[in-house]
């Protein structure tokens, strides 16, 4: 018997939660799993979700509801649920029924069949992918950014439908940052990650909460929190800019001394000053972004304080 905790962040969801619990009950009986379902309510002001989670918790002994004090976002909600999980394996999935319950045994078998694997990301095959075109394009671009800045393996695809061993969950809980991304935390904590293909269902209720601005914000957080490459790039630009300016000054002085050519005019001077002035401002701006995140890091919340008693 496998002890499995399933963590689902819930945002204004009702009917989908009832279907998920019914399907998990069938899966539990069929596969002899010892299941724990943690429903993390990230919309505490939305009474239908609150009532649904309360009723499910009262009706099923394997369901546990966790209500946050206010909306914290998907990833902090996930971390809260993961911190309360008791299973040897922890599965994270969405509340919109796009991650089929019937595919859970594939994740369990994949991680149990290889003792060296710490986490498995379940990804849909391209023919079964149910996201919109702009979402797929955005995911492709974000994947390339992750490869460049996070040193993610090229052939590894991140997914919110994943299974993680309990010891890795502890590492993640102890090392999260102020604006966390669970998949990035996993990638930065271990190299022992697999991908498996699963079915991907159409969204049955509501619409996705991930807009283009949110995806861009998530990508920016990933780059600035988990990579120092932007700072290194600025350092290289500054270094080569300094070399260029030194050679330029030597060249101008040599022409002045040996060829009796007048110093370049006002336009060239202003252009150079503007270029290097802009470069300095850009560098200061990027350093400012890092400083902002350092400040936020000192203010990251204790996960236990996010829960409404």
C-alpha atoms as a PDB file:
ATOM      1  CA  UNK A   1       0.000   0.000   0.000  1.00  0.00           C
ATOM      2  CA  UNK A   2       1.399   3.368  -1.057  1.00  0.00           C
ATOM      3  CA  UNK A   3       0.896   6.464   1.104  1.00  0.00           C
ATOM      4  CA  UNK A   4       0.109   9.289  -1.301  1.00  0.00           C
ATOM      5  CA  UNK A   5      -0.784  12.899  -0.580  1.00  0.00           C
ATOM      6  CA  UNK A   6      -2.501  14.907  -3.305  1.00  0.00           C
ATOM      7  CA  UNK A   7      -2.343  18.688  -3.023  1.00  0.00           C
ATOM      8  CA  UNK A   8      -4.782  20.811  -5.031  1.00  0.00           C
ATOM      9  CA  UNK A   9      -4.883  24.626  -4.799  1.00  0.00           C
ATOM     10  CA  UNK A  10      -8.528  25.706  -5.154  1.00  0.00           C
ATOM     11  CA  UNK A  11      -9.584  29.053  -6.573  1.00  0.00           C
ATOM     12  CA  UNK A  12     -13.333  29.657  -6.951  1.00  0.00           C
ATOM     13  CA  UNK A  13     -13.894  25.996  -7.798  1.00  0.00           C
ATOM     14  CA  UNK A  14     -16.986  23.999  -6.798  1.00  0.00           C
ATOM     15  CA  UNK A  15     -18.283  21.276  -9.127  1.00  0.00           C
ATOM     16  CA  UNK A  16     -14.840  20.199 -10.267  1.00  0.00           C
ATOM     17  CA  UNK A  17     -13.839  19.425  -6.659  1.00  0.00           C
ATOM     18  CA  UNK A  18     -16.817  17.134  -6.198  1.00  0.00           C
ATOM     19  CA  UNK A  19     -15.935  15.232  -9.383  1.00  0.00           C
ATOM     20  CA  UNK A  20     -12.268  14.981  -8.363  1.00  0.00           C
ATOM     21  CA  UNK A  21     -13.166  13.501  -4.973  1.00  0.00           C
ATOM     22  CA  UNK A  22     -15.530  10.946  -6.544  1.00  0.00           C
ATOM     23  CA  UNK A  23     -12.865   9.871  -9.038  1.00  0.00           C
ATOM     24  CA  UNK A  24     -10.209   9.662  -6.330  1.00  0.00           C
ATOM     25  CA  UNK A  25     -12.486   7.472  -4.229  1.00  0.00           C
ATOM     26  CA  UNK A  26     -12.764   5.017  -7.140  1.00  0.00           C
ATOM     27  CA  UNK A  27      -8.998   5.176  -7.733  1.00  0.00           C
ATOM     28  CA  UNK A  28      -8.344   4.576  -4.034  1.00  0.00           C
ATOM     29  CA  UNK A  29     -10.438   1.417  -3.988  1.00  0.00           C
ATOM     30  CA  UNK A  30      -9.187   0.095  -7.317  1.00  0.00           C
ATOM     31  CA  UNK A  31      -5.449   0.496  -6.629  1.00  0.00           C
ATOM     32  CA  UNK A  32      -5.419   0.001  -2.854  1.00  0.00           C
ATOM     33  CA  UNK A  33      -3.801   3.418  -2.333  1.00  0.00           C
ATOM     34  CA  UNK A  34      -3.691   5.097   1.055  1.00  0.00           C
ATOM     35  CA  UNK A  35      -4.764   8.538  -0.138  1.00  0.00           C
ATOM     36  CA  UNK A  36      -4.761  11.933   1.511  1.00  0.00           C
ATOM     37  CA  UNK A  37      -6.351  14.800  -0.416  1.00  0.00           C
ATOM     38  CA  UNK A  38      -5.447  18.317   0.692  1.00  0.00           C
ATOM     39  CA  UNK A  39      -7.700  21.011  -0.770  1.00  0.00           C
ATOM     40  CA  UNK A  40      -6.053  24.401  -0.220  1.00  0.00           C
ATOM     41  CA  UNK A  41      -8.677  27.125  -0.472  1.00  0.00           C
ATOM     42  CA  UNK A  42      -6.992  30.146  -2.081  1.00  0.00           C
ATOM     43  CA  UNK A  43     -10.278  32.050  -2.429  1.00  0.00           C
ATOM     44  CA  UNK A  44     -11.468  32.324   1.211  1.00  0.00           C
ATOM     45  CA  UNK A  45     -13.978  35.081   0.389  1.00  0.00           C
ATOM     46  CA  UNK A  46     -15.782  32.874  -2.156  1.00  0.00           C
ATOM     47  CA  UNK A  47     -18.409  31.079  -0.102  1.00  0.00           C
ATOM     48  CA  UNK A  48     -19.327  28.344  -2.644  1.00  0.00           C
ATOM     49  CA  UNK A  49     -15.736  27.053  -2.573  1.00  0.00           C
ATOM     50  CA  UNK A  50     -15.587  27.276   1.225  1.00  0.00           C
ATOM     51  CA  UNK A  51     -18.849  25.362   1.599  1.00  0.00           C
ATOM     52  CA  UNK A  52     -17.853  22.725  -0.946  1.00  0.00           C
ATOM     53  CA  UNK A  53     -14.535  22.004   0.765  1.00  0.00           C
ATOM     54  CA  UNK A  54     -16.244  21.920   4.184  1.00  0.00           C
ATOM     55  CA  UNK A  55     -18.863  19.423   2.960  1.00  0.00           C
ATOM     56  CA  UNK A  56     -16.293  17.205   1.245  1.00  0.00           C
ATOM     57  CA  UNK A  57     -14.109  17.160   4.349  1.00  0.00           C
ATOM     58  CA  UNK A  58     -17.127  16.176   6.454  1.00  0.00           C
ATOM     59  CA  UNK A  59     -18.215  13.445   4.027  1.00  0.00           C
ATOM     60  CA  UNK A  60     -14.893  11.777   3.162  1.00  0.00           C
ATOM     61  CA  UNK A  61     -12.262  10.812   5.716  1.00  0.00           C
ATOM     62  CA  UNK A  62      -9.372  11.145   3.250  1.00  0.00           C
ATOM     63  CA  UNK A  63     -10.186  14.785   2.404  1.00  0.00           C
ATOM     64  CA  UNK A  64      -8.629  17.624   4.382  1.00  0.00           C
ATOM     65  CA  UNK A  65      -9.478  21.278   3.780  1.00  0.00           C
ATOM     66  CA  UNK A  66      -7.014  24.108   4.353  1.00  0.00           C
ATOM     67  CA  UNK A  67      -8.273  27.684   4.068  1.00  0.00           C
ATOM     68  CA  UNK A  68      -5.806  30.537   3.610  1.00  0.00           C
ATOM     69  CA  UNK A  69      -6.365  33.925   5.227  1.00  0.00           C
ATOM     70  CA  UNK A  70      -6.329  35.613   1.823  1.00  0.00           C
ATOM     71  CA  UNK A  71      -5.486  34.888  -1.793  1.00  0.00           C
ATOM     72  CA  UNK A  72      -1.778  34.006  -1.961  1.00  0.00           C
ATOM     73  CA  UNK A  73      -1.473  32.598  -5.475  1.00  0.00           C
ATOM     74  CA  UNK A  74      -1.139  29.059  -6.754  1.00  0.00           C
ATOM     75  CA  UNK A  75       2.444  28.385  -5.719  1.00  0.00           C
ATOM     76  CA  UNK A  76       2.249  29.563  -2.118  1.00  0.00           C
ATOM     77  CA  UNK A  77      -1.015  27.639  -1.788  1.00  0.00           C
ATOM     78  CA  UNK A  78       0.779  24.543  -3.083  1.00  0.00           C
ATOM     79  CA  UNK A  79       3.615  24.996  -0.615  1.00  0.00           C
ATOM     80  CA  UNK A  80       1.158  25.332   2.276  1.00  0.00           C
ATOM     81  CA  UNK A  81      -0.497  22.059   1.253  1.00  0.00           C
ATOM     82  CA  UNK A  82       2.844  20.320   0.710  1.00  0.00           C
ATOM     83  CA  UNK A  83       4.006  21.396   4.166  1.00  0.00           C
ATOM     84  CA  UNK A  84       0.994  19.592   5.673  1.00  0.00           C
ATOM     85  CA  UNK A  85       1.251  16.466   3.495  1.00  0.00           C
ATOM     86  CA  UNK A  86       1.969  13.204   5.327  1.00  0.00           C
ATOM     87  CA  UNK A  87       2.430  10.857   2.381  1.00  0.00           C
ATOM     88  CA  UNK A  88       5.644   9.256   1.160  1.00  0.00           C
ATOM     89  CA  UNK A  89       4.751  10.619  -2.262  1.00  0.00           C
ATOM     90  CA  UNK A  90       3.181  14.018  -2.936  1.00  0.00           C
ATOM     91  CA  UNK A  91       1.186  14.742  -6.091  1.00  0.00           C
ATOM     92  CA  UNK A  92       0.279  18.272  -7.149  1.00  0.00           C
ATOM     93  CA  UNK A  93      -2.431  18.972  -9.676  1.00  0.00           C
ATOM     94  CA  UNK A  94      -4.928  21.646 -10.750  1.00  0.00           C
ATOM     95  CA  UNK A  95      -8.582  21.899  -9.760  1.00  0.00           C
ATOM     96  CA  UNK A  96      -9.964  22.243 -13.312  1.00  0.00           C
ATOM     97  CA  UNK A  97     -10.107  18.528 -14.288  1.00  0.00           C
ATOM     98  CA  UNK A  98      -7.499  18.998 -17.031  1.00  0.00           C
ATOM     99  CA  UNK A  99      -5.224  16.612 -15.120  1.00  0.00           C
ATOM    100  CA  UNK A 100      -7.007  13.237 -15.306  1.00  0.00           C
ATOM    101  CA  UNK A 101      -7.256  11.300 -12.049  1.00  0.00           C
ATOM    102  CA  UNK A 102      -6.935   8.049 -14.033  1.00  0.00           C
ATOM    103  CA  UNK A 103      -3.363   9.015 -14.976  1.00  0.00           C
ATOM    104  CA  UNK A 104      -2.159   9.094 -11.348  1.00  0.00           C
ATOM    105  CA  UNK A 105      -1.036   5.418 -11.409  1.00  0.00           C
ATOM    106  CA  UNK A 106       1.332   6.309 -14.265  1.00  0.00           C
ATOM    107  CA  UNK A 107       3.055   8.875 -12.052  1.00  0.00           C
ATOM    108  CA  UNK A 108       3.199   6.495  -9.099  1.00  0.00           C
ATOM    109  CA  UNK A 109       4.648   3.658 -11.186  1.00  0.00           C
ATOM    110  CA  UNK A 110       7.182   5.978 -12.835  1.00  0.00           C
ATOM    111  CA  UNK A 111       8.627   7.227  -9.551  1.00  0.00           C
ATOM    112  CA  UNK A 112       8.395   3.876  -7.734  1.00  0.00           C
ATOM    113  CA  UNK A 113       9.955   2.037 -10.650  1.00  0.00           C
ATOM    114  CA  UNK A 114      13.179   4.051 -10.416  1.00  0.00           C
ATOM    115  CA  UNK A 115      14.702   4.555  -6.984  1.00  0.00           C
ATOM    116  CA  UNK A 116      17.012   7.303  -8.258  1.00  0.00           C
ATOM    117  CA  UNK A 117      14.144   9.512  -9.456  1.00  0.00           C
ATOM    118  CA  UNK A 118      13.048  12.275  -7.052  1.00  0.00           C
ATOM    119  CA  UNK A 119      10.266  13.837  -9.115  1.00  0.00           C
ATOM    120  CA  UNK A 120       8.211  13.160 -12.245  1.00  0.00           C
ATOM    121  CA  UNK A 121       6.538  15.813 -14.392  1.00  0.00           C
ATOM    122  CA  UNK A 122       3.482  14.564 -16.293  1.00  0.00           C
ATOM    123  CA  UNK A 123       3.179  16.370 -19.616  1.00  0.00           C
ATOM    124  CA  UNK A 124       0.530  16.055 -22.337  1.00  0.00           C
ATOM    125  CA  UNK A 125       1.528  14.866 -25.768  1.00  0.00           C
ATOM    126  CA  UNK A 126       1.213  17.628 -28.370  1.00  0.00           C
ATOM    127  CA  UNK A 127      -1.759  15.918 -30.015  1.00  0.00           C
ATOM    128  CA  UNK A 128      -3.626  15.844 -26.672  1.00  0.00           C
ATOM    129  CA  UNK A 129      -2.687  19.297 -25.433  1.00  0.00           C
ATOM    130  CA  UNK A 130      -5.800  21.326 -24.654  1.00  0.00           C
ATOM    131  CA  UNK A 131      -4.370  24.789 -24.012  1.00  0.00           C
ATOM    132  CA  UNK A 132      -5.083  27.742 -26.295  1.00  0.00           C
ATOM    133  CA  UNK A 133      -2.606  28.741 -29.010  1.00  0.00           C
ATOM    134  CA  UNK A 134      -1.267  31.797 -27.154  1.00  0.00           C
ATOM    135  CA  UNK A 135      -0.821  29.684 -24.012  1.00  0.00           C
ATOM    136  CA  UNK A 136       1.151  27.063 -25.937  1.00  0.00           C
ATOM    137  CA  UNK A 137       3.333  29.730 -27.565  1.00  0.00           C
ATOM    138  CA  UNK A 138       3.898  31.362 -24.193  1.00  0.00           C
ATOM    139  CA  UNK A 139       4.838  28.019 -22.644  1.00  0.00           C
ATOM    140  CA  UNK A 140       7.330  27.396 -25.462  1.00  0.00           C
ATOM    141  CA  UNK A 141       8.997  30.780 -24.917  1.00  0.00           C
ATOM    142  CA  UNK A 142       9.096  30.295 -21.137  1.00  0.00           C
ATOM    143  CA  UNK A 143      10.637  26.858 -21.644  1.00  0.00           C
ATOM    144  CA  UNK A 144      13.463  28.380 -23.689  1.00  0.00           C
ATOM    145  CA  UNK A 145      14.004  31.011 -20.995  1.00  0.00           C
ATOM    146  CA  UNK A 146      14.236  28.269 -18.364  1.00  0.00           C
ATOM    147  CA  UNK A 147      16.826  26.411 -20.437  1.00  0.00           C
ATOM    148  CA  UNK A 148      18.937  29.557 -20.802  1.00  0.00           C
ATOM    149  CA  UNK A 149      18.648  31.048 -17.335  1.00  0.00           C
ATOM    150  CA  UNK A 150      17.803  28.125 -15.008  1.00  0.00           C
ATOM    151  CA  UNK A 151      20.037  25.563 -16.746  1.00  0.00           C
ATOM    152  CA  UNK A 152      17.033  23.298 -17.146  1.00  0.00           C
ATOM    153  CA  UNK A 153      17.715  20.224 -19.303  1.00  0.00           C
ATOM    154  CA  UNK A 154      16.536  20.897 -22.848  1.00  0.00           C
ATOM    155  CA  UNK A 155      14.391  17.777 -23.000  1.00  0.00           C
ATOM    156  CA  UNK A 156      12.727  18.350 -19.599  1.00  0.00           C
ATOM    157  CA  UNK A 157       9.279  19.984 -19.616  1.00  0.00           C
ATOM    158  CA  UNK A 158       7.828  21.522 -16.467  1.00  0.00           C
ATOM    159  CA  UNK A 159       4.275  20.749 -15.446  1.00  0.00           C
ATOM    160  CA  UNK A 160       1.927  21.491 -12.530  1.00  0.00           C
ATOM    161  CA  UNK A 161       0.873  17.819 -12.671  1.00  0.00           C
ATOM    162  CA  UNK A 162       3.772  16.139 -10.882  1.00  0.00           C
ATOM    163  CA  UNK A 163       4.741  13.633  -8.207  1.00  0.00           C
ATOM    164  CA  UNK A 164       7.514  14.283  -5.695  1.00  0.00           C
ATOM    165  CA  UNK A 165       9.173  12.160  -3.030  1.00  0.00           C
ATOM    166  CA  UNK A 166       8.650  13.295   0.557  1.00  0.00           C
ATOM    167  CA  UNK A 167      12.341  13.994   1.231  1.00  0.00           C
ATOM    168  CA  UNK A 168      12.506  16.378  -1.739  1.00  0.00           C
ATOM    169  CA  UNK A 169       9.310  18.074  -0.525  1.00  0.00           C
ATOM    170  CA  UNK A 170      11.085  18.836   2.764  1.00  0.00           C
ATOM    171  CA  UNK A 171      13.989  20.404   0.871  1.00  0.00           C
ATOM    172  CA  UNK A 172      11.600  22.583  -1.125  1.00  0.00           C
ATOM    173  CA  UNK A 173       9.660  23.696   1.957  1.00  0.00           C
ATOM    174  CA  UNK A 174      12.901  24.718   3.658  1.00  0.00           C
ATOM    175  CA  UNK A 175      14.224  26.650   0.657  1.00  0.00           C
ATOM    176  CA  UNK A 176      11.273  28.465  -0.880  1.00  0.00           C
ATOM    177  CA  UNK A 177      11.493  32.197  -1.574  1.00  0.00           C
ATOM    178  CA  UNK A 178       9.102  35.138  -1.366  1.00  0.00           C
ATOM    179  CA  UNK A 179       7.603  34.583  -4.825  1.00  0.00           C
ATOM    180  CA  UNK A 180       8.093  30.830  -5.310  1.00  0.00           C
ATOM    181  CA  UNK A 181       7.669  28.646  -8.375  1.00  0.00           C
ATOM    182  CA  UNK A 182       7.393  25.003  -7.360  1.00  0.00           C
ATOM    183  CA  UNK A 183       8.754  23.534 -10.596  1.00  0.00           C
ATOM    184  CA  UNK A 184      11.780  25.849 -10.477  1.00  0.00           C
ATOM    185  CA  UNK A 185      12.387  24.890  -6.843  1.00  0.00           C
ATOM    186  CA  UNK A 186      12.374  21.228  -7.867  1.00  0.00           C
ATOM    187  CA  UNK A 187      14.790  21.819 -10.753  1.00  0.00           C
ATOM    188  CA  UNK A 188      17.151  23.821  -8.534  1.00  0.00           C
ATOM    189  CA  UNK A 189      17.075  21.064  -5.861  1.00  0.00           C
ATOM    190  CA  UNK A 190      17.669  17.889  -7.902  1.00  0.00           C
ATOM    191  CA  UNK A 191      18.734  16.583 -11.288  1.00  0.00           C
ATOM    192  CA  UNK A 192      16.822  13.326 -10.882  1.00  0.00           C
ATOM    193  CA  UNK A 193      13.638  14.310 -12.726  1.00  0.00           C
ATOM    194  CA  UNK A 194      11.683  12.466 -15.400  1.00  0.00           C
ATOM    195  CA  UNK A 195       8.948  13.352 -17.878  1.00  0.00           C
ATOM    196  CA  UNK A 196       6.089  11.020 -18.746  1.00  0.00           C
ATOM    197  CA  UNK A 197       3.296  11.610 -21.234  1.00  0.00           C
ATOM    198  CA  UNK A 198      -0.297  11.606 -20.036  1.00  0.00           C
ATOM    199  CA  UNK A 199      -3.681  12.531 -21.406  1.00  0.00           C
ATOM    200  CA  UNK A 200      -4.812  16.124 -21.074  1.00  0.00           C
ATOM    201  CA  UNK A 201      -8.497  16.904 -20.786  1.00  0.00           C
ATOM    202  CA  UNK A 202     -10.396  20.015 -21.818  1.00  0.00           C
ATOM    203  CA  UNK A 203     -11.237  22.509 -19.107  1.00  0.00           C
ATOM    204  CA  UNK A 204     -14.792  21.747 -18.008  1.00  0.00           C
ATOM    205  CA  UNK A 205     -15.606  24.643 -15.665  1.00  0.00           C
ATOM    206  CA  UNK A 206     -14.518  28.292 -15.795  1.00  0.00           C
ATOM    207  CA  UNK A 207     -11.498  29.773 -17.528  1.00  0.00           C
ATOM    208  CA  UNK A 208      -7.789  29.714 -16.860  1.00  0.00           C
ATOM    209  CA  UNK A 209      -6.531  32.257 -14.327  1.00  0.00           C
ATOM    210  CA  UNK A 210      -3.152  32.436 -16.084  1.00  0.00           C
ATOM    211  CA  UNK A 211      -3.232  35.475 -18.326  1.00  0.00           C
ATOM    212  CA  UNK A 212      -0.315  36.606 -20.489  1.00  0.00           C
ATOM    213  CA  UNK A 213       0.813  39.253 -17.914  1.00  0.00           C
ATOM    214  CA  UNK A 214       0.826  36.587 -15.182  1.00  0.00           C
ATOM    215  CA  UNK A 215       2.947  34.257 -17.317  1.00  0.00           C
ATOM    216  CA  UNK A 216       5.396  37.088 -18.024  1.00  0.00           C
ATOM    217  CA  UNK A 217       5.549  37.927 -14.316  1.00  0.00           C
ATOM    218  CA  UNK A 218       6.178  34.273 -13.449  1.00  0.00           C
ATOM    219  CA  UNK A 219       8.965  34.091 -16.025  1.00  0.00           C
ATOM    220  CA  UNK A 220      10.573  37.275 -14.649  1.00  0.00           C
ATOM    221  CA  UNK A 221      10.424  35.885 -11.119  1.00  0.00           C
ATOM    222  CA  UNK A 222      12.045  32.651 -12.300  1.00  0.00           C
ATOM    223  CA  UNK A 223      14.876  34.511 -14.003  1.00  0.00           C
ATOM    224  CA  UNK A 224      15.625  36.915 -11.150  1.00  0.00           C
ATOM    225  CA  UNK A 225      15.095  34.498  -8.265  1.00  0.00           C
ATOM    226  CA  UNK A 226      16.770  31.374  -9.607  1.00  0.00           C
ATOM    227  CA  UNK A 227      19.479  32.735 -11.897  1.00  0.00           C
ATOM    228  CA  UNK A 228      22.346  35.194 -11.615  1.00  0.00           C
ATOM    229  CA  UNK A 229      22.902  35.141 -15.391  1.00  0.00           C
ATOM    230  CA  UNK A 230      21.308  38.590 -16.019  1.00  0.00           C
ATOM    231  CA  UNK A 231      23.721  40.149 -13.534  1.00  0.00           C
ATOM    232  CA  UNK A 232      26.631  38.353 -15.188  1.00  0.00           C
ATOM    233  CA  UNK A 233      25.515  39.601 -18.611  1.00  0.00           C
ATOM    234  CA  UNK A 234      25.430  43.171 -17.315  1.00  0.00           C
ATOM    235  CA  UNK A 235      28.898  42.653 -15.860  1.00  0.00           C
ATOM    236  CA  UNK A 236      30.245  41.469 -19.219  1.00  0.00           C
ATOM    237  CA  UNK A 237      28.598  44.368 -21.049  1.00  0.00           C
ATOM    238  CA  UNK A 238      30.074  46.815 -18.556  1.00  0.00           C
ATOM    239  CA  UNK A 239      33.524  45.224 -18.866  1.00  0.00           C
ATOM    240  CA  UNK A 240      33.587  45.295 -22.664  1.00  0.00           C
ATOM    241  CA  UNK A 241      32.081  48.780 -22.612  1.00  0.00           C
ATOM    242  CA  UNK A 242      34.973  49.919 -20.434  1.00  0.00           C
ATOM    243  CA  UNK A 243      37.512  48.332 -22.788  1.00  0.00           C
ATOM    244  CA  UNK A 244      35.848  49.994 -25.771  1.00  0.00           C
ATOM    245  CA  UNK A 245      35.949  53.395 -24.096  1.00  0.00           C
ATOM    246  CA  UNK A 246      39.654  52.985 -23.208  1.00  0.00           C
ATOM    247  CA  UNK A 247      40.595  52.073 -26.793  1.00  0.00           C
ATOM    248  CA  UNK A 248      38.433  54.905 -28.108  1.00  0.00           C
ATOM    249  CA  UNK A 249      40.186  57.447 -25.879  1.00  0.00           C
ATOM    250  CA  UNK A 250      43.629  56.143 -26.887  1.00  0.00           C
ATOM    251  CA  UNK A 251      42.665  56.309 -30.558  1.00  0.00           C
ATOM    252  CA  UNK A 252      41.346  59.877 -30.268  1.00  0.00           C
ATOM    253  CA  UNK A 253      44.447  61.060 -28.365  1.00  0.00           C
ATOM    254  CA  UNK A 254      46.766  59.403 -30.902  1.00  0.00           C
ATOM    255  CA  UNK A 255      44.998  61.107 -33.809  1.00  0.00           C
ATOM    256  CA  UNK A 256      45.166  64.411 -31.979  1.00  0.00           C
ATOM    257  CA  UNK A 257      48.895  64.143 -31.230  1.00  0.00           C
ATOM    258  CA  UNK A 258      50.262  62.550 -34.379  1.00  0.00           C
ATOM    259  CA  UNK A 259      47.854  63.516 -37.120  1.00  0.00           C
ATOM    260  CA  UNK A 260      46.848  66.967 -35.933  1.00  0.00           C
ATOM    261  CA  UNK A 261      43.169  66.082 -36.251  1.00  0.00           C
ATOM    262  CA  UNK A 262      40.732  67.973 -34.101  1.00  0.00           C
ATOM    263  CA  UNK A 263      38.840  66.279 -31.344  1.00  0.00           C
ATOM    264  CA  UNK A 264      35.458  64.817 -32.522  1.00  0.00           C
ATOM    265  CA  UNK A 265      32.586  67.217 -32.342  1.00  0.00           C
ATOM    266  CA  UNK A 266      29.704  67.811 -30.020  1.00  0.00           C
ATOM    267  CA  UNK A 267      27.453  65.133 -31.557  1.00  0.00           C
ATOM    268  CA  UNK A 268      29.933  62.290 -31.053  1.00  0.00           C
ATOM    269  CA  UNK A 269      30.632  63.355 -27.492  1.00  0.00           C
ATOM    270  CA  UNK A 270      26.972  63.529 -26.590  1.00  0.00           C
ATOM    271  CA  UNK A 271      26.333  60.164 -28.237  1.00  0.00           C
ATOM    272  CA  UNK A 272      29.071  58.452 -26.219  1.00  0.00           C
ATOM    273  CA  UNK A 273      27.969  60.058 -22.971  1.00  0.00           C
ATOM    274  CA  UNK A 274      24.397  59.041 -23.650  1.00  0.00           C
ATOM    275  CA  UNK A 275      25.356  55.477 -24.502  1.00  0.00           C
ATOM    276  CA  UNK A 276      27.420  54.843 -21.407  1.00  0.00           C
ATOM    277  CA  UNK A 277      25.045  56.840 -19.233  1.00  0.00           C
ATOM    278  CA  UNK A 278      22.178  54.669 -20.419  1.00  0.00           C
ATOM    279  CA  UNK A 279      24.221  51.537 -19.811  1.00  0.00           C
ATOM    280  CA  UNK A 280      24.917  52.650 -16.257  1.00  0.00           C
ATOM    281  CA  UNK A 281      21.263  53.382 -15.625  1.00  0.00           C
ATOM    282  CA  UNK A 282      20.249  49.986 -16.996  1.00  0.00           C
ATOM    283  CA  UNK A 283      22.767  48.285 -14.722  1.00  0.00           C
ATOM    284  CA  UNK A 284      21.510  50.208 -11.708  1.00  0.00           C
ATOM    285  CA  UNK A 285      17.928  49.292 -12.611  1.00  0.00           C
ATOM    286  CA  UNK A 286      18.728  45.588 -12.801  1.00  0.00           C
ATOM    287  CA  UNK A 287      20.643  45.733  -9.537  1.00  0.00           C
ATOM    288  CA  UNK A 288      17.604  47.444  -8.066  1.00  0.00           C
ATOM    289  CA  UNK A 289      15.419  44.492  -9.097  1.00  0.00           C
ATOM    290  CA  UNK A 290      17.730  42.129  -7.259  1.00  0.00           C
ATOM    291  CA  UNK A 291      17.731  44.376  -4.186  1.00  0.00           C
ATOM    292  CA  UNK A 292      13.923  44.437  -4.204  1.00  0.00           C
ATOM    293  CA  UNK A 293      13.864  40.647  -4.176  1.00  0.00           C
ATOM    294  CA  UNK A 294      16.438  40.530  -1.378  1.00  0.00           C
ATOM    295  CA  UNK A 295      14.143  42.755   0.671  1.00  0.00           C
ATOM    296  CA  UNK A 296      11.159  40.540  -0.154  1.00  0.00           C
ATOM    297  CA  UNK A 297      13.207  37.509   0.843  1.00  0.00           C
ATOM    298  CA  UNK A 298      13.452  38.907   4.365  1.00  0.00           C
ATOM    299  CA  UNK A 299       9.672  39.283   4.378  1.00  0.00           C
ATOM    300  CA  UNK A 300       8.680  35.832   3.097  1.00  0.00           C
ATOM    301  CA  UNK A 301       5.801  34.497   5.193  1.00  0.00           C
ATOM    302  CA  UNK A 302       5.815  31.498   7.469  1.00  0.00           C
ATOM    303  CA  UNK A 303       3.531  29.033   5.702  1.00  0.00           C
ATOM    304  CA  UNK A 304       1.666  28.265   8.932  1.00  0.00           C
ATOM    305  CA  UNK A 305       0.638  31.921   9.309  1.00  0.00           C
ATOM    306  CA  UNK A 306      -1.177  31.822   5.963  1.00  0.00           C
ATOM    307  CA  UNK A 307      -3.755  29.329   7.198  1.00  0.00           C
ATOM    308  CA  UNK A 308      -7.063  30.539   8.583  1.00  0.00           C
ATOM    309  CA  UNK A 309      -7.836  28.773  11.848  1.00  0.00           C
END
